[in-house]
Amino acid sequence: MRTDSEEMDEAEERDEAEEGDEAEEGDEAKDHDGKEDAEISVVADAEDYSEYGKVKDEDEEEDDEICFEDYKGAYELRLTSVRRRFSYRIYKSTKTLFVATCRVSGCQWKARASVKHGTKTFWVTKYVETHTSSITDRIAQQKHCTPKYIDRLFIDCVGIIDVLNPQHIKDVMKNMFGMTLDYTTSYRVLLYAQEMVRGSAEDVYERLPSYLEKIKAANPGSITAIELDSLNRFKYLFLSFRASIRGFKYQRKVIVVDGTHLSGKYEGTMLVAAVQDGNFQIYPLAFGFVDGENDESWEWVFTKLASCVSDEYPLVIVSDRHSSIIRACEKVFPRATRGICYYHLQENIVKKYKGKHLLYFVKGRHVQFKKSNIAESINSALKRARGFHIQFLLEFIREKLGRWYWKRRGDALSLTTQYSRGVEHLLVVREEIAYTLRLQQIDGWKIFVKGGNRDCNVDLELQKCDCGVYQVEKIPCSHAIAAGTTAGLHISTLVWPVYSKDTLFAGYSENIYPCVGQQVEARTCFPSEVKRGPGRQKKSRWQSWLELSRMRGRTPRKQHRVYRCSVCK
């Protein structure tokens, strides 16, 4: 009695003999057809248009014919086994032949592929789709899949990886394929899927210099810079689009700078410089990517930022009390006025000095620009992409800014008022309060206004008010509106032109174009040397008690108390 292996060997010999006869017949046909047929080559990846006009079931009886499908290797075969819940074993694997059978002994399922037509492409020559073994035996022989196979299956079935977390992958694989994954496996599947779609981080760093060149080619006038260390490892990167540089002259010259940590494979820090437009919206000016917030990195970014702004008007730079920012600002922008974010100042007063009763010193003279409102809002807008590779993060920023410019430019064109929506809303609210105030004329330009929260002297000539709002915002407060109405002035003459709809449109008149054209070529650029800690990287920072209280709309809760046992204390 012959064994299964002997029968399989004889079957393989018969199949190979049949292939040899087919090859000889093909050679004879080629010689008979002439030179034109000899020049025709078979391309495995070419699209077969005959499938579009194929009549349904016209070849149903020809089950034994060779199936000329492009064979993509054992990887696709493994995905098929996962979908249909069975396991296979590789019976034979050479450079010209591949045979796979079911793991259950005696099952007739079989897949056979070989190299044909003198190419290196495998073609499926025989495929027995039906299993003759019991389902119970196939379940007993089924093996677990590695995360690399699961991520390919997930991409083929779902097709997206953005805005997903490991729990999403765990639920999808359970519902679609009945696979039970733990959290660690799901997280590794997500990492493999991201690498398959976006490429490895090392390859992205090689394409980074060429990508910046394509940005400058698509947006002439943009300022880009990249700096490497002595070993050609990434160190610093700077990017500022031409649309942002040209639109900056139509914004208030108050620049807010801040940094946020990246959560990608090689981590790093993203530094942001932004201003505020005439509609109180964020206007990003420049982005920097560095290895960390230190004196050298901030000085390098400020040096590049100096080429984006003009010295024609005095600058104000607002930030937190980071010592590196202070030293870099004194070196690069010695004539700029330094501003401190009052939000962080309030928090420091409460934390360090326990002085909640001192907050009114800060609240009474606060300005419209808060670092936490501008820079932190940009960080929130880019939060979803902070874990991407740096090139994909730059592309995400480009798409985000391009969409902002288009939407805000259209909004500015649709305005029917003289000033932006935000300014018009403020003027309406403050005008209602102005009618309740009492005025006492001092001279032609100075008026004493009583009522409201406090009594104030208003100087219309110098555009000042004792409340401090008018000279800071350049938008008339309720005292200034009441004084201007009494003096017979039109309210529009008291508002700065930077808030007009024409200036708002001019700030967004430029476009940000995508990178199109030639393929990005690899250059010599290696990732930075980073020592990551164990476990999954943290993507969000802990919010302070002041942030939580203002977000929830109630008074700040007390800090955590240290409870001790009555005996131990």
Protein backbone atom coordinates (compact mmCIF):
# COMPACT_ATOMS: atom_id res chain seq x y z
CA MET A 1 0.00 0.00 0.00
CA ARG A 2 1.45 3.39 -1.01
CA THR A 3 1.75 6.27 1.40
CA ASP A 4 0.28 9.75 0.94
CA SER A 5 3.75 11.20 0.20
CA GLU A 6 4.30 8.72 -2.67
CA GLU A 7 0.94 9.56 -4.18
CA MET A 8 1.72 13.28 -3.85
CA ASP A 9 5.12 12.83 -5.59
CA GLU A 10 3.51 10.98 -8.49
CA ALA A 11 0.88 13.72 -8.81
CA GLU A 12 3.62 16.37 -8.87
CA GLU A 13 5.49 14.47 -11.60
CA ARG A 14 2.32 14.24 -13.73
CA ASP A 15 1.68 17.99 -13.28
CA GLU A 16 5.24 18.86 -14.22
CA ALA A 17 5.01 16.60 -17.30
CA GLU A 18 1.81 18.37 -18.34
CA GLU A 19 3.49 21.74 -17.93
CA GLY A 20 6.37 20.55 -20.14
CA ASP A 21 3.97 19.54 -22.91
CA GLU A 22 2.19 22.88 -22.66
CA ALA A 23 5.50 24.71 -22.90
CA GLU A 24 6.45 22.77 -26.07
CA GLU A 25 3.10 23.51 -27.64
CA GLY A 26 3.58 27.16 -26.77
CA ASP A 27 6.99 27.22 -28.47
CA GLU A 28 5.59 25.65 -31.62
CA ALA A 29 2.76 28.18 -31.70
CA LYS A 30 5.26 30.99 -31.25
CA ASP A 31 7.34 29.82 -34.20
CA HIS A 32 4.28 29.46 -36.35
CA ASP A 33 2.87 32.92 -35.56
CA GLY A 34 6.00 34.82 -36.54
CA LYS A 35 8.00 37.73 -35.15
CA GLU A 36 5.09 39.84 -33.98
CA ASP A 37 3.91 37.18 -31.54
CA ALA A 38 7.45 36.60 -30.36
CA GLU A 39 7.67 40.21 -29.21
CA ILE A 40 4.57 39.97 -27.01
CA SER A 41 5.47 39.69 -23.31
CA VAL A 42 3.23 38.60 -20.47
CA VAL A 43 2.97 41.18 -17.69
CA ALA A 44 1.56 39.85 -14.45
CA ASP A 45 0.45 43.24 -13.15
CA ALA A 46 -1.26 44.38 -16.39
CA GLU A 47 -5.01 44.96 -16.18
CA ASP A 48 -7.11 42.40 -18.06
CA TYR A 49 -9.90 44.29 -19.82
CA SER A 50 -11.49 41.05 -21.02
CA GLU A 51 -12.93 40.54 -17.55
CA TYR A 52 -15.27 43.51 -18.12
CA GLY A 53 -17.09 41.77 -21.00
CA LYS A 54 -16.98 38.22 -19.74
CA VAL A 55 -20.31 36.33 -19.92
CA LYS A 56 -21.38 34.89 -16.61
CA ASP A 57 -20.83 31.13 -16.19
CA GLU A 58 -19.76 30.62 -19.79
CA ASP A 59 -16.74 28.57 -18.69
CA GLU A 60 -18.40 26.81 -15.80
CA GLU A 61 -17.65 23.30 -17.06
CA GLU A 62 -13.92 23.93 -17.52
CA ASP A 63 -12.85 23.35 -13.92
CA ASP A 64 -9.56 21.70 -14.84
CA GLU A 65 -8.23 24.58 -16.93
CA ILE A 66 -5.23 26.52 -15.65
CA CYS A 67 -6.16 29.65 -13.71
CA PHE A 68 -3.91 32.46 -14.93
CA GLU A 69 -4.04 34.60 -11.80
CA ASP A 70 -1.12 36.56 -10.52
CA TYR A 71 0.34 34.66 -7.58
CA LYS A 72 1.64 36.98 -4.86
CA GLY A 73 3.31 34.38 -2.66
CA ALA A 74 2.64 32.56 0.56
CA TYR A 75 1.63 35.84 2.21
CA GLU A 76 -1.65 36.00 0.30
CA LEU A 77 -2.18 32.31 0.93
CA ARG A 78 -1.88 32.89 4.66
CA LEU A 79 -4.49 35.64 4.51
CA THR A 80 -6.82 33.26 2.70
CA SER A 81 -6.38 30.69 5.45
CA VAL A 82 -7.18 33.32 8.08
CA ARG A 83 -10.34 34.38 6.29
CA ARG A 84 -11.55 30.79 5.89
CA ARG A 85 -10.29 29.61 9.29
CA PHE A 86 -7.97 26.74 8.44
CA SER A 87 -4.24 26.04 8.51
CA TYR A 88 -2.00 24.75 5.74
CA ARG A 89 1.49 23.36 5.41
CA ILE A 90 4.05 24.06 2.70
CA TYR A 91 4.63 20.73 0.97
CA LYS A 92 7.20 22.01 -1.52
CA SER A 93 8.84 25.38 -2.07
CA THR A 94 11.54 26.06 -4.69
CA LYS A 95 12.46 28.92 -7.00
CA THR A 96 10.06 27.62 -9.63
CA LEU A 97 7.43 25.64 -7.72
CA PHE A 98 5.25 26.18 -4.67
CA VAL A 99 2.80 23.61 -3.27
CA ALA A 100 0.63 23.96 -0.17
CA THR A 101 -1.76 21.41 1.31
CA CYS A 102 -4.18 21.33 4.22
CA ARG A 103 -2.72 20.37 7.58
CA VAL A 104 -5.41 17.73 8.10
CA SER A 105 -4.21 14.39 6.75
CA GLY A 106 -6.22 13.16 3.77
CA CYS A 107 -7.81 16.54 2.95
CA GLN A 108 -7.91 17.31 -0.79
CA TRP A 109 -7.44 21.09 -0.43
CA LYS A 110 -4.41 22.12 -2.44
CA ALA A 111 -2.80 25.21 -3.95
CA ARG A 112 -0.07 24.89 -6.56
CA ALA A 113 1.82 27.67 -8.32
CA SER A 114 4.81 27.67 -10.65
CA VAL A 115 6.89 29.95 -12.82
CA LYS A 116 5.67 30.09 -16.42
CA HIS A 117 6.59 31.82 -19.68
CA GLY A 118 10.23 32.32 -18.70
CA THR A 119 9.50 35.04 -16.12
CA LYS A 120 10.03 35.13 -12.38
CA THR A 121 6.32 35.56 -11.66
CA PHE A 122 4.42 32.73 -10.02
CA TRP A 123 1.11 31.71 -11.59
CA VAL A 124 -1.50 29.56 -9.89
CA THR A 125 -1.73 26.39 -11.93
CA LYS A 126 -3.96 24.33 -9.66
CA TYR A 127 -6.27 25.24 -6.85
CA VAL A 128 -8.65 22.82 -5.12
CA GLU A 129 -10.88 25.08 -3.07
CA THR A 130 -13.06 22.48 -1.35
CA HIS A 131 -11.96 20.84 1.89
CA THR A 132 -12.77 17.14 2.30
CA SER A 133 -11.82 17.03 5.96
CA SER A 134 -14.10 17.64 8.92
CA ILE A 135 -14.48 21.16 10.29
CA THR A 136 -13.61 19.86 13.74
CA ASP A 137 -10.26 18.60 12.50
CA ARG A 138 -9.51 21.91 10.79
CA ILE A 139 -10.33 23.85 13.96
CA ALA A 140 -8.05 21.58 15.99
CA GLN A 141 -5.19 22.16 13.56
CA GLN A 142 -5.70 25.94 13.34
CA LYS A 143 -2.76 28.10 14.46
CA HIS A 144 -2.49 31.65 15.79
CA CYS A 145 -1.55 34.51 13.47
CA THR A 146 1.26 36.96 14.04
CA PRO A 147 0.54 40.71 14.19
CA LYS A 148 2.15 41.23 10.77
CA TYR A 149 -0.42 38.97 9.11
CA ILE A 150 -3.29 40.48 11.04
CA ASP A 151 -2.33 44.05 10.07
CA ARG A 152 -2.38 43.12 6.38
CA LEU A 153 -5.77 41.51 6.81
CA PHE A 154 -7.04 44.58 8.66
CA ILE A 155 -5.83 46.97 5.94
CA ASP A 156 -7.35 44.85 3.17
CA CYS A 157 -10.74 44.74 4.90
CA VAL A 158 -10.96 48.15 6.58
CA GLY A 159 -8.52 50.28 4.61
CA ILE A 160 -7.98 53.07 7.18
CA ILE A 161 -5.57 53.51 10.07
CA ASP A 162 -6.10 57.15 11.08
CA VAL A 163 -8.04 57.99 14.23
CA LEU A 164 -7.88 54.37 15.35
CA ASN A 165 -6.73 52.82 18.59
CA PRO A 166 -5.97 49.21 19.56
CA GLN A 167 -9.49 48.71 20.87
CA HIS A 168 -10.92 49.45 17.42
CA ILE A 169 -8.71 46.79 15.85
CA LYS A 170 -9.63 44.32 18.57
CA ASP A 171 -13.35 44.83 17.96
CA VAL A 172 -13.07 44.68 14.16
CA MET A 173 -11.11 41.43 14.11
CA LYS A 174 -13.53 39.88 16.57
CA ASN A 175 -16.66 40.88 14.65
CA MET A 176 -15.37 40.11 11.15
CA PHE A 177 -13.17 37.05 11.66
CA GLY A 178 -13.95 35.81 15.16
CA MET A 179 -10.36 36.41 16.26
CA THR A 180 -9.74 37.18 19.93
CA LEU A 181 -6.79 39.55 20.41
CA ASP A 182 -5.34 40.93 23.60
CA TYR A 183 -4.47 44.60 23.92
CA THR A 184 -0.74 44.12 23.33
CA THR A 185 -1.30 42.23 20.08
CA SER A 186 -3.83 44.83 18.91
CA TYR A 187 -1.36 47.62 19.63
CA ARG A 188 1.39 45.85 17.68
CA VAL A 189 -1.04 45.29 14.79
CA LEU A 190 -1.73 49.03 14.73
CA LEU A 191 2.00 49.83 14.65
CA TYR A 192 2.62 47.37 11.81
CA ALA A 193 -0.36 48.74 9.87
CA GLN A 194 0.90 52.31 10.22
CA GLU A 195 4.34 51.25 9.04
CA MET A 196 2.88 49.39 6.08
CA VAL A 197 0.84 52.39 4.94
CA ARG A 198 3.27 55.23 5.75
CA GLY A 199 6.59 53.42 5.60
CA SER A 200 9.17 53.05 8.30
CA ALA A 201 10.42 56.03 10.26
CA GLU A 202 13.95 55.49 8.94
CA ASP A 203 12.77 55.71 5.31
CA VAL A 204 10.78 58.85 6.10
CA TYR A 205 13.87 60.60 7.47
CA GLU A 206 15.77 59.77 4.27
CA ARG A 207 13.03 61.47 2.22
CA LEU A 208 12.83 64.49 4.53
CA PRO A 209 15.41 66.80 2.82
CA SER A 210 13.90 66.17 -0.61
CA TYR A 211 10.40 66.74 0.76
CA LEU A 212 11.40 70.21 1.95
CA GLU A 213 12.76 70.96 -1.51
CA LYS A 214 9.43 69.98 -3.02
CA ILE A 215 7.64 72.26 -0.53
CA LYS A 216 9.77 75.20 -1.71
CA ALA A 217 9.20 74.28 -5.35
CA ALA A 218 5.41 74.13 -4.90
CA ASN A 219 5.33 77.27 -2.71
CA PRO A 220 8.10 79.65 -3.87
CA GLY A 221 9.12 82.02 -1.12
CA SER A 222 8.64 79.53 1.70
CA ILE A 223 11.47 79.24 4.19
CA THR A 224 12.65 75.72 5.01
CA ALA A 225 15.79 74.55 6.76
CA ILE A 226 17.13 71.29 8.10
CA GLU A 227 20.25 70.73 10.19
CA LEU A 228 22.10 67.47 10.75
CA ASP A 229 24.83 66.57 13.17
CA SER A 230 28.28 65.28 12.28
CA LEU A 231 26.89 61.75 11.77
CA ASN A 232 24.14 62.98 9.40
CA ARG A 233 21.49 62.42 12.04
CA PHE A 234 18.44 64.66 12.21
CA LYS A 235 18.74 67.57 14.61
CA TYR A 236 16.56 70.57 13.69
CA LEU A 237 13.93 71.44 11.08
CA PHE A 238 12.16 74.72 10.30
CA LEU A 239 9.17 75.39 8.03
CA SER A 240 7.26 78.55 7.24
CA PHE A 241 4.98 78.79 4.20
CA ARG A 242 5.02 81.76 1.86
CA ALA A 243 1.32 82.38 2.51
CA SER A 244 2.00 82.77 6.23
CA ILE A 245 5.02 85.04 5.70
CA ARG A 246 3.20 87.40 3.34
CA GLY A 247 0.03 87.41 5.43
CA PHE A 248 1.89 88.26 8.63
CA LYS A 249 2.08 91.96 7.74
CA TYR A 250 -1.72 92.13 7.97
CA GLN A 251 -1.80 90.72 11.51
CA ARG A 252 -1.03 92.21 14.89
CA LYS A 253 2.68 91.98 15.66
CA VAL A 254 2.25 89.83 18.75
CA ILE A 255 3.91 86.43 18.29
CA VAL A 256 3.08 83.59 20.67
CA VAL A 257 5.62 80.74 20.91
CA ASP A 258 5.29 77.40 22.62
CA GLY A 259 6.50 73.81 22.38
CA THR A 260 4.76 70.45 22.49
CA HIS A 261 6.17 66.95 22.73
CA LEU A 262 5.78 64.49 19.86
CA SER A 263 4.78 60.89 20.50
CA GLY A 264 6.30 59.21 17.45
CA LYS A 265 8.99 56.56 17.40
CA TYR A 266 11.83 59.08 17.70
CA GLU A 267 9.85 61.58 19.78
CA GLY A 268 11.19 65.15 19.69
CA THR A 269 9.55 68.52 20.29
CA MET A 270 7.50 70.70 17.95
CA LEU A 271 7.92 74.45 18.44
CA VAL A 272 5.13 76.69 17.18
CA ALA A 273 5.07 80.42 16.43
CA ALA A 274 1.62 81.88 15.82
CA VAL A 275 -0.29 85.16 15.87
CA GLN A 276 -3.95 86.12 15.91
CA ASP A 277 -5.86 87.49 12.93
CA GLY A 278 -8.49 90.21 12.91
CA ASN A 279 -11.23 87.67 13.64
CA PHE A 280 -9.49 86.30 16.78
CA GLN A 281 -8.52 83.12 14.91
CA ILE A 282 -5.18 81.34 15.11
CA TYR A 283 -2.75 82.33 12.36
CA PRO A 284 0.21 79.89 12.33
CA LEU A 285 3.45 81.56 11.29
CA ALA A 286 6.19 78.93 11.57
CA PHE A 287 6.91 75.43 12.84
CA GLY A 288 10.12 74.01 14.21
CA PHE A 289 11.05 70.44 15.06
CA VAL A 290 13.92 69.94 17.50
CA ASP A 291 15.30 67.26 19.78
CA GLY A 292 14.26 69.15 22.91
CA GLU A 293 13.59 72.58 24.42
CA ASN A 294 17.02 73.98 25.25
CA ASP A 295 19.05 77.13 24.62
CA GLU A 296 20.58 75.90 21.36
CA SER A 297 17.32 74.70 19.78
CA TRP A 298 15.32 77.82 20.66
CA GLU A 299 18.10 80.10 19.40
CA TRP A 300 18.26 78.20 16.10
CA VAL A 301 14.47 78.41 15.60
CA PHE A 302 14.37 82.11 16.53
CA THR A 303 17.18 82.79 14.03
CA LYS A 304 15.11 81.23 11.25
CA LEU A 305 11.99 82.99 12.50
CA ALA A 306 13.77 86.35 12.21
CA SER A 307 13.92 85.89 8.43
CA CYS A 308 10.11 85.54 8.33
CA VAL A 309 9.23 88.78 10.13
CA SER A 310 10.12 92.38 9.40
CA ASP A 311 11.80 94.88 11.71
CA GLU A 312 9.56 97.63 10.37
CA TYR A 313 7.19 97.36 13.31
CA PRO A 314 7.99 96.57 16.96
CA LEU A 315 7.35 92.98 17.98
CA VAL A 316 5.90 91.46 21.12
CA ILE A 317 6.81 87.85 21.91
CA VAL A 318 4.58 86.05 24.40
CA SER A 319 5.56 82.74 25.99
CA ASP A 320 5.72 80.95 29.30
CA ARG A 321 8.61 81.52 31.69
CA HIS A 322 10.95 79.02 30.04
CA SER A 323 14.51 80.21 30.59
CA SER A 324 15.68 79.07 27.13
CA ILE A 325 13.03 81.20 25.42
CA ILE A 326 14.07 84.24 27.41
CA ARG A 327 17.76 83.88 26.53
CA ALA A 328 17.08 83.14 22.85
CA CYS A 329 14.73 86.11 22.56
CA GLU A 330 17.34 88.45 24.07
CA LYS A 331 19.93 87.29 21.52
CA VAL A 332 17.83 87.18 18.34
CA PHE A 333 15.13 89.80 19.09
CA PRO A 334 16.81 92.26 21.47
CA ARG A 335 14.35 95.06 20.62
CA ALA A 336 11.22 92.93 20.98
CA THR A 337 9.00 93.32 24.01
CA ARG A 338 8.75 90.21 26.14
CA GLY A 339 5.33 89.11 27.33
CA ILE A 340 4.44 86.42 29.85
CA CYS A 341 1.33 84.32 29.52
CA TYR A 342 -0.93 85.49 32.34
CA TYR A 343 -2.59 82.08 32.46
CA HIS A 344 0.66 80.48 33.61
CA LEU A 345 1.35 83.48 35.81
CA GLN A 346 -1.93 82.93 37.65
CA GLU A 347 -1.13 79.27 38.12
CA ASN A 348 2.30 80.07 39.52
CA ILE A 349 0.85 82.57 41.98
CA VAL A 350 -1.58 80.02 43.34
CA LYS A 351 0.83 77.09 43.41
CA LYS A 352 3.99 78.72 44.71
CA TYR A 353 2.71 81.57 46.84
CA LYS A 354 -0.74 80.25 47.81
CA GLY A 355 -2.05 83.65 46.91
CA LYS A 356 -5.49 83.37 45.35
CA HIS A 357 -6.25 86.81 46.76
CA LEU A 358 -3.49 88.23 44.53
CA LEU A 359 -5.05 87.06 41.25
CA TYR A 360 -6.83 90.36 40.74
CA PHE A 361 -3.46 92.02 40.08
CA VAL A 362 -3.14 89.82 37.00
CA LYS A 363 -6.79 89.71 36.00
CA GLY A 364 -7.17 93.46 36.11
CA ARG A 365 -4.48 94.11 33.53
CA HIS A 366 -4.66 91.01 31.37
CA VAL A 367 -4.29 91.27 27.61
CA GLN A 368 -6.23 89.63 24.83
CA PHE A 369 -3.37 87.30 23.88
CA LYS A 370 -2.97 84.23 26.02
CA LYS A 371 -0.38 81.63 25.14
CA SER A 372 -2.70 78.92 26.32
CA ASN A 373 -5.40 80.16 23.94
CA ILE A 374 -3.26 80.29 20.78
CA ALA A 375 -0.34 77.90 20.96
CA GLU A 376 -2.24 75.33 22.98
CA SER A 377 -5.08 75.48 20.47
CA ILE A 378 -2.65 74.66 17.66
CA ASN A 379 -1.33 71.76 19.68
CA SER A 380 -4.89 70.51 20.10
CA ALA A 381 -5.57 70.83 16.36
CA LEU A 382 -2.44 68.78 15.59
CA LYS A 383 -2.90 66.28 18.41
CA ARG A 384 -4.10 63.52 16.09
CA ALA A 385 -0.94 63.75 13.97
CA ARG A 386 1.67 64.17 16.70
CA GLY A 387 2.31 60.43 16.65
CA PHE A 388 2.92 60.37 12.87
CA HIS A 389 6.32 60.24 11.23
CA ILE A 390 7.71 63.73 10.76
CA GLN A 391 7.05 63.89 7.01
CA PHE A 392 3.42 62.86 7.46
CA LEU A 393 3.10 65.39 10.28
CA LEU A 394 4.37 68.12 7.95
CA GLU A 395 1.92 67.02 5.27
CA PHE A 396 -0.89 67.03 7.84
CA ILE A 397 0.06 70.60 8.78
CA ARG A 398 0.11 71.65 5.12
CA GLU A 399 -3.36 70.19 4.50
CA LYS A 400 -4.72 71.74 7.69
CA LEU A 401 -3.39 75.22 6.90
CA GLY A 402 -4.51 75.00 3.29
CA ARG A 403 -8.04 74.21 4.43
CA TRP A 404 -7.98 77.02 7.00
CA TYR A 405 -6.84 79.58 4.43
CA TRP A 406 -9.51 78.55 1.94
CA LYS A 407 -12.35 78.55 4.46
CA ARG A 408 -11.36 81.83 6.12
CA ARG A 409 -10.78 83.57 2.82
CA GLY A 410 -14.29 82.62 1.74
CA ASP A 411 -15.69 83.76 5.08
CA ALA A 412 -13.99 87.15 4.72
CA LEU A 413 -15.50 87.59 1.25
CA SER A 414 -18.98 86.79 2.54
CA LEU A 415 -18.92 89.49 5.23
CA THR A 416 -21.47 92.28 4.78
CA THR A 417 -20.12 94.37 7.68
CA GLN A 418 -17.08 96.60 7.82
CA TYR A 419 -15.26 94.53 10.42
CA SER A 420 -14.85 90.84 11.18
CA ARG A 421 -17.52 88.76 12.88
CA GLY A 422 -15.72 88.66 16.21
CA VAL A 423 -15.21 92.43 16.35
CA GLU A 424 -18.79 93.16 15.32
CA HIS A 425 -20.03 90.91 18.11
CA LEU A 426 -17.86 92.72 20.67
CA LEU A 427 -19.04 96.12 19.48
CA VAL A 428 -22.70 95.08 19.77
CA VAL A 429 -22.24 93.83 23.34
CA ARG A 430 -20.19 96.84 24.45
CA GLU A 431 -22.55 99.31 22.82
CA GLU A 432 -25.44 98.03 24.93
CA ILE A 433 -23.38 98.65 28.06
CA ALA A 434 -22.28 102.09 26.81
CA TYR A 435 -25.86 103.40 26.82
CA THR A 436 -26.08 102.80 30.58
CA LEU A 437 -23.00 104.93 31.41
CA ARG A 438 -22.89 108.57 32.49
CA LEU A 439 -20.36 110.98 31.04
CA GLN A 440 -18.68 114.18 32.16
CA GLN A 441 -16.88 116.25 29.50
CA ILE A 442 -13.36 117.39 30.44
CA ASP A 443 -12.23 118.84 27.10
CA GLY A 444 -12.67 118.05 23.42
CA TRP A 445 -10.85 114.70 23.63
CA LYS A 446 -10.97 113.69 27.28
CA ILE A 447 -14.15 112.48 28.92
CA PHE A 448 -14.82 111.08 32.37
CA VAL A 449 -17.13 108.05 32.22
CA LYS A 450 -19.01 106.81 35.32
CA GLY A 451 -20.84 103.55 35.75
CA GLY A 452 -20.23 99.92 34.93
CA ASN A 453 -17.54 98.04 36.83
CA ARG A 454 -15.43 101.15 37.43
CA ASP A 455 -15.17 104.84 36.59
CA CYS A 456 -12.63 105.63 33.87
CA ASN A 457 -10.99 108.55 32.10
CA VAL A 458 -11.08 108.18 28.31
CA ASP A 459 -8.60 109.95 26.01
CA LEU A 460 -9.93 109.68 22.46
CA GLU A 461 -6.90 111.38 20.94
CA LEU A 462 -4.40 108.87 22.37
CA GLN A 463 -6.94 106.01 22.30
CA LYS A 464 -6.56 105.19 25.97
CA CYS A 465 -8.90 104.21 28.78
CA ASP A 466 -8.17 103.59 32.43
CA CYS A 467 -9.64 100.09 32.18
CA GLY A 468 -6.71 99.12 29.95
CA VAL A 469 -8.79 97.25 27.38
CA TYR A 470 -8.80 99.92 24.66
CA GLN A 471 -5.04 100.43 24.41
CA VAL A 472 -4.35 96.69 24.50
CA GLU A 473 -6.98 95.33 22.12
CA LYS A 474 -7.22 98.42 19.90
CA ILE A 475 -10.99 97.86 19.98
CA PRO A 476 -13.04 100.50 21.83
CA CYS A 477 -14.37 99.36 25.18
CA SER A 478 -17.80 100.39 26.45
CA HIS A 479 -16.30 103.54 28.02
CA ALA A 480 -14.65 104.55 24.74
CA ILE A 481 -17.83 103.88 22.76
CA ALA A 482 -19.84 106.09 25.14
CA ALA A 483 -17.21 108.82 24.98
CA GLY A 484 -16.92 108.64 21.18
CA THR A 485 -20.69 108.86 20.74
CA THR A 486 -20.81 111.94 22.97
CA ALA A 487 -17.94 113.56 21.05
CA GLY A 488 -19.73 112.93 17.74
CA LEU A 489 -17.17 110.47 16.41
CA HIS A 490 -18.04 107.50 14.25
CA ILE A 491 -17.24 104.26 16.07
CA SER A 492 -15.39 102.91 13.02
CA THR A 493 -12.72 105.60 13.51
CA LEU A 494 -11.91 104.14 16.94
CA VAL A 495 -11.21 100.59 15.67
CA TRP A 496 -7.82 99.61 14.27
CA PRO A 497 -7.75 98.82 10.52
CA VAL A 498 -6.29 95.38 11.28
CA TYR A 499 -9.80 94.23 12.21
CA SER A 500 -11.43 95.25 8.92
CA LYS A 501 -12.72 92.64 6.51
CA ASP A 502 -10.36 93.86 3.76
CA THR A 503 -7.33 93.30 5.99
CA LEU A 504 -8.70 89.94 7.05
CA PHE A 505 -9.04 88.86 3.42
CA ALA A 506 -5.56 90.13 2.55
CA GLY A 507 -4.06 87.97 5.29
CA TYR A 508 -5.50 84.83 3.68
CA SER A 509 -5.19 85.86 0.02
CA GLU A 510 -2.28 83.46 -0.64
CA ASN A 511 -2.71 79.74 -1.27
CA ILE A 512 -0.76 76.80 0.13
CA TYR A 513 -0.12 74.30 -2.65
CA PRO A 514 0.47 70.55 -2.27
CA CYS A 515 3.66 68.79 -3.33
CA VAL A 516 3.15 67.36 -6.82
CA GLY A 517 5.47 66.31 -9.60
CA GLN A 518 8.55 64.19 -9.31
CA GLN A 519 8.95 61.44 -6.77
CA VAL A 520 10.64 62.26 -3.48
CA GLU A 521 14.20 60.96 -3.62
CA ALA A 522 16.10 59.60 -0.65
CA ARG A 523 18.93 61.66 0.82
CA THR A 524 21.45 61.12 3.57
CA CYS A 525 19.51 61.77 6.75
CA PHE A 526 19.30 59.40 9.67
CA PRO A 527 16.89 59.55 12.62
CA SER A 528 17.99 61.23 15.79
CA GLU A 529 19.30 59.15 18.65
CA VAL A 530 16.54 58.80 21.22
CA LYS A 531 16.26 56.50 24.21
CA ARG A 532 12.60 55.69 24.68
CA GLY A 533 11.29 54.42 27.93
CA PRO A 534 9.37 51.16 28.30
CA GLY A 535 5.67 50.89 27.56
CA ARG A 536 3.35 52.91 25.40
CA GLN A 537 4.23 56.58 25.02
CA LYS A 538 1.98 59.16 26.65
CA LYS A 539 0.12 61.28 24.09
CA SER A 540 -1.62 63.77 26.38
CA ARG A 541 -0.23 65.68 29.31
CA TRP A 542 -1.86 65.93 32.70
CA GLN A 543 -4.06 69.02 32.93
CA SER A 544 -3.59 71.38 35.83
CA TRP A 545 -6.30 72.12 38.34
CA LEU A 546 -6.80 75.58 36.82
CA GLU A 547 -7.38 74.13 33.35
CA LEU A 548 -9.83 71.57 34.63
CA SER A 549 -11.77 74.12 36.64
CA ARG A 550 -12.15 76.53 33.74
CA MET A 551 -13.05 73.74 31.35
CA ARG A 552 -15.77 72.53 33.71
CA GLY A 553 -17.01 76.04 34.37
CA ARG A 554 -16.75 76.10 38.13
CA THR A 555 -14.38 77.26 40.84
CA PRO A 556 -11.05 75.44 41.15
CA ARG A 557 -11.08 72.38 43.30
CA LYS A 558 -8.63 72.10 46.16
CA GLN A 559 -5.41 70.26 45.61
CA HIS A 560 -5.11 66.68 46.80
CA ARG A 561 -4.76 66.38 50.55
CA VAL A 562 -2.43 63.94 52.22
CA TYR A 563 -4.49 61.76 54.52
CA ARG A 564 -2.78 60.11 57.48
CA CYS A 565 -3.91 57.70 60.08
CA SER A 566 -4.93 59.32 63.38
CA VAL A 567 -2.45 57.09 65.21
CA CYS A 568 0.49 57.73 62.85
CA LYS A 569 0.20 61.50 62.71
